[in-house]
Amino acid sequence: MKRSNICVIIILLTVCGCSIIASKAPVGEVPVLVDAKGWNGVWYSPNGGYCVLQVKNEHEGILQLAWIESDKELKYQSGEVFIRKSGNWSFASTKETQEKTVADVVYVWARIKKEKNTILIWLPDEEKFKKLIEAHILPGEIKNGMAILGDLKPEHMKVITSEEKGLLFDWERPLVLIKMGD
């Protein structure tokens, strides 16, 4: 998996250069209603980087994300972001762009919280999720060194959102997106 293309979790995963936890489907139990007024626009990270979000399906919680990636030359990139919730928590998930077959498709994801013109993003702690998968507390597998969550049922989402198994996210260093304008 090419880490530089995983910035779809809202552009910042490329900035942090951190490890990810993947899943076989978007994380969360139900779609979040996303309104165009609150989500559509240009967003930037104080750490550097810009992206554009546009509501693709308000009722299904689907956003279109676009950004310019700089490798040897500038490239336009885009992808869908699925906003789901479990209890009071919201999650953003997007398909990893390098997989070649449907069976290999995985989603990268993070916990998010949107307040007015700011989106806070907390990444899952890779080591803690790997231990929960290895202990069969969460469904999944470790494939080529990457933790991939399986079919998450409500009881699994409770483990993730209750923190009964410890702090599973990097609460100390949230990634931040700020909406330009408005």
Protein backbone atom coordinates (compact mmCIF):
# COMPACT_ATOMS: atom_id res chain seq x y z
CA MET A 1 0.00 0.00 0.00
CA LYS A 2 1.48 3.32 -1.03
CA ARG A 3 1.19 5.58 2.02
CA SER A 4 1.45 8.86 0.07
CA ASN A 5 -1.92 8.24 -1.60
CA ILE A 6 -3.82 7.63 1.61
CA CYS A 7 -4.36 11.35 2.16
CA VAL A 8 -8.00 10.87 1.31
CA ILE A 9 -8.93 10.65 5.02
CA ILE A 10 -9.05 14.35 4.72
CA ILE A 11 -5.63 15.19 3.26
CA LEU A 12 -3.88 15.16 6.61
CA LEU A 13 -2.85 11.52 6.73
CA THR A 14 -0.13 12.38 4.24
CA VAL A 15 1.05 15.25 6.43
CA CYS A 16 1.37 13.16 9.58
CA GLY A 17 3.16 10.24 7.91
CA CYS A 18 1.65 7.92 10.49
CA SER A 19 0.46 4.36 10.38
CA ILE A 20 -3.14 3.56 9.66
CA ILE A 21 -5.76 1.07 10.67
CA ALA A 22 -7.87 -0.11 7.75
CA SER A 23 -11.29 -1.73 7.62
CA LYS A 24 -13.23 -3.83 5.12
CA ALA A 25 -16.11 -1.30 5.13
CA PRO A 26 -16.69 2.28 6.24
CA VAL A 27 -16.49 2.50 10.05
CA GLY A 28 -19.66 3.42 11.94
CA GLU A 29 -23.17 2.07 12.19
CA VAL A 30 -25.30 4.66 10.40
CA PRO A 31 -24.68 7.48 7.89
CA VAL A 32 -24.47 11.03 9.21
CA LEU A 33 -26.70 13.63 7.55
CA VAL A 34 -24.21 16.02 5.90
CA ASP A 35 -25.45 19.46 4.84
CA ALA A 36 -23.85 21.24 1.91
CA LYS A 37 -23.65 24.59 3.71
CA GLY A 38 -21.53 23.15 6.48
CA TRP A 39 -19.31 20.84 4.44
CA ASN A 40 -18.90 22.29 0.92
CA GLY A 41 -15.84 24.44 0.46
CA VAL A 42 -12.07 24.72 0.61
CA TRP A 43 -10.44 23.43 3.78
CA TYR A 44 -6.85 23.86 4.91
CA SER A 45 -4.60 22.38 7.54
CA PRO A 46 -2.42 24.65 9.69
CA ASN A 47 0.27 21.99 9.08
CA GLY A 48 0.05 22.63 5.34
CA GLY A 49 -2.21 21.33 2.63
CA TYR A 50 -5.56 22.23 1.12
CA CYS A 51 -8.51 20.18 -0.02
CA VAL A 52 -12.02 20.72 -1.35
CA LEU A 53 -15.05 18.95 0.12
CA GLN A 54 -18.42 18.73 -1.57
CA VAL A 55 -21.51 16.86 -0.44
CA LYS A 56 -22.23 14.03 -2.86
CA ASN A 57 -25.14 12.39 -1.01
CA GLU A 58 -26.55 14.29 1.96
CA HIS A 59 -28.61 11.42 3.42
CA GLU A 60 -25.96 8.72 2.95
CA GLY A 61 -23.19 10.86 4.48
CA ILE A 62 -21.01 10.80 1.36
CA LEU A 63 -18.60 13.61 0.55
CA GLN A 64 -16.42 14.10 -2.52
CA LEU A 65 -12.86 15.10 -1.58
CA ALA A 66 -10.37 16.61 -4.04
CA TRP A 67 -6.79 17.72 -3.62
CA ILE A 68 -3.60 18.29 -5.56
CA GLU A 69 -0.86 15.78 -4.89
CA SER A 70 2.73 16.73 -5.52
CA ASP A 71 5.08 13.93 -6.47
CA LYS A 72 7.34 14.75 -9.39
CA GLU A 73 4.53 16.76 -10.92
CA LEU A 74 1.21 18.08 -9.66
CA LYS A 75 -1.68 15.61 -9.91
CA TYR A 76 -5.37 16.12 -9.26
CA GLN A 77 -6.71 13.43 -6.92
CA SER A 78 -10.20 12.78 -5.62
CA GLY A 79 -12.15 10.24 -3.65
CA GLU A 80 -15.30 9.65 -1.65
CA VAL A 81 -15.42 10.08 2.12
CA PHE A 82 -18.09 8.23 4.07
CA ILE A 83 -19.23 9.90 7.29
CA ARG A 84 -20.79 7.39 9.70
CA LYS A 85 -21.61 7.44 13.40
CA SER A 86 -21.86 5.08 16.33
CA GLY A 87 -23.51 6.62 19.37
CA ASN A 88 -22.16 10.15 19.72
CA TRP A 89 -18.99 9.46 17.73
CA SER A 90 -18.49 10.20 14.03
CA PHE A 91 -15.99 8.51 11.72
CA ALA A 92 -14.64 9.34 8.27
CA SER A 93 -13.67 6.46 5.98
CA THR A 94 -12.40 6.35 2.43
CA LYS A 95 -11.25 3.64 0.04
CA GLU A 96 -7.52 3.16 -0.13
CA THR A 97 -6.66 4.04 -3.70
CA GLN A 98 -3.93 1.50 -4.52
CA GLU A 99 -5.80 -1.80 -4.22
CA LYS A 100 -6.27 -3.65 -7.50
CA THR A 101 -9.19 -6.01 -6.93
CA VAL A 102 -12.56 -5.71 -5.18
CA ALA A 103 -11.46 -8.34 -2.65
CA ASP A 104 -8.44 -6.19 -1.75
CA VAL A 105 -10.37 -2.96 -1.18
CA VAL A 106 -9.88 -1.52 2.28
CA TYR A 107 -10.96 1.73 3.86
CA VAL A 108 -8.74 4.03 5.86
CA TRP A 109 -10.56 5.79 8.65
CA ALA A 110 -10.37 8.08 11.67
CA ARG A 111 -12.58 9.53 14.38
CA ILE A 112 -13.78 13.02 13.43
CA LYS A 113 -15.68 15.83 15.04
CA LYS A 114 -17.01 18.78 13.04
CA GLU A 115 -17.77 22.03 14.83
CA LYS A 116 -18.83 24.95 12.64
CA ASN A 117 -15.83 25.61 10.36
CA THR A 118 -13.40 23.18 11.99
CA ILE A 119 -12.91 19.44 11.62
CA LEU A 120 -10.87 17.61 14.25
CA ILE A 121 -9.44 14.23 13.27
CA TRP A 122 -8.07 11.64 15.66
CA LEU A 123 -6.18 8.69 14.23
CA PRO A 124 -6.50 5.18 15.66
CA ASP A 125 -3.53 3.88 17.67
CA GLU A 126 -2.08 1.17 15.43
CA GLU A 127 -0.47 -0.93 18.16
CA LYS A 128 -3.55 -0.95 20.39
CA PHE A 129 -5.84 -1.97 17.52
CA LYS A 130 -3.42 -4.73 16.48
CA LYS A 131 -3.49 -6.13 20.02
CA LEU A 132 -7.32 -6.08 20.06
CA ILE A 133 -7.39 -7.93 16.72
CA GLU A 134 -4.81 -10.49 17.88
CA ALA A 135 -6.82 -11.05 21.11
CA HIS A 136 -9.99 -11.56 18.99
CA ILE A 137 -11.72 -8.70 20.79
CA LEU A 138 -12.16 -6.95 17.43
CA PRO A 139 -12.59 -8.87 14.17
CA GLY A 140 -9.82 -8.50 11.64
CA GLU A 141 -6.39 -9.56 10.51
CA ILE A 142 -2.83 -8.32 10.31
CA LYS A 143 -1.88 -8.42 6.62
CA ASN A 144 1.57 -7.32 5.45
CA GLY A 145 2.03 -5.54 8.77
CA MET A 146 -1.22 -3.56 8.45
CA ALA A 147 -4.20 -4.05 10.76
CA ILE A 148 -7.44 -4.53 8.82
CA LEU A 149 -10.67 -4.58 10.80
CA GLY A 150 -13.34 -7.05 9.70
CA ASP A 151 -17.12 -6.79 9.97
CA LEU A 152 -17.75 -4.46 12.91
CA LYS A 153 -20.94 -5.25 14.82
CA PRO A 154 -22.50 -2.91 17.44
CA GLU A 155 -20.61 -4.72 20.22
CA HIS A 156 -17.31 -4.01 18.43
CA MET A 157 -18.21 -0.36 17.95
CA LYS A 158 -18.90 -0.21 21.70
CA VAL A 159 -15.33 -1.38 22.37
CA ILE A 160 -14.02 1.36 20.07
CA THR A 161 -16.22 4.17 21.39
CA SER A 162 -16.30 3.30 25.11
CA GLU A 163 -12.55 3.00 25.53
CA GLU A 164 -13.16 0.13 27.95
CA LYS A 165 -10.00 -1.42 26.47
CA GLY A 166 -7.93 1.75 26.88
CA LEU A 167 -7.34 4.91 24.86
CA LEU A 168 -7.52 3.75 21.25
CA PHE A 169 -6.94 7.11 19.53
CA ASP A 170 -4.22 9.76 19.56
CA TRP A 171 -6.18 12.31 21.60
CA GLU A 172 -3.10 14.47 22.25
CA ARG A 173 -2.45 15.46 18.64
CA PRO A 174 -5.65 15.86 16.63
CA LEU A 175 -5.29 16.77 13.00
CA VAL A 176 -7.17 19.94 12.16
CA LEU A 177 -8.94 21.24 9.06
CA ILE A 178 -10.29 24.79 8.92
CA LYS A 179 -12.83 25.93 6.36
CA MET A 180 -11.85 28.98 4.33
CA GLY A 181 -14.46 31.70 3.84
CA ASP A 182 -17.96 31.87 5.32
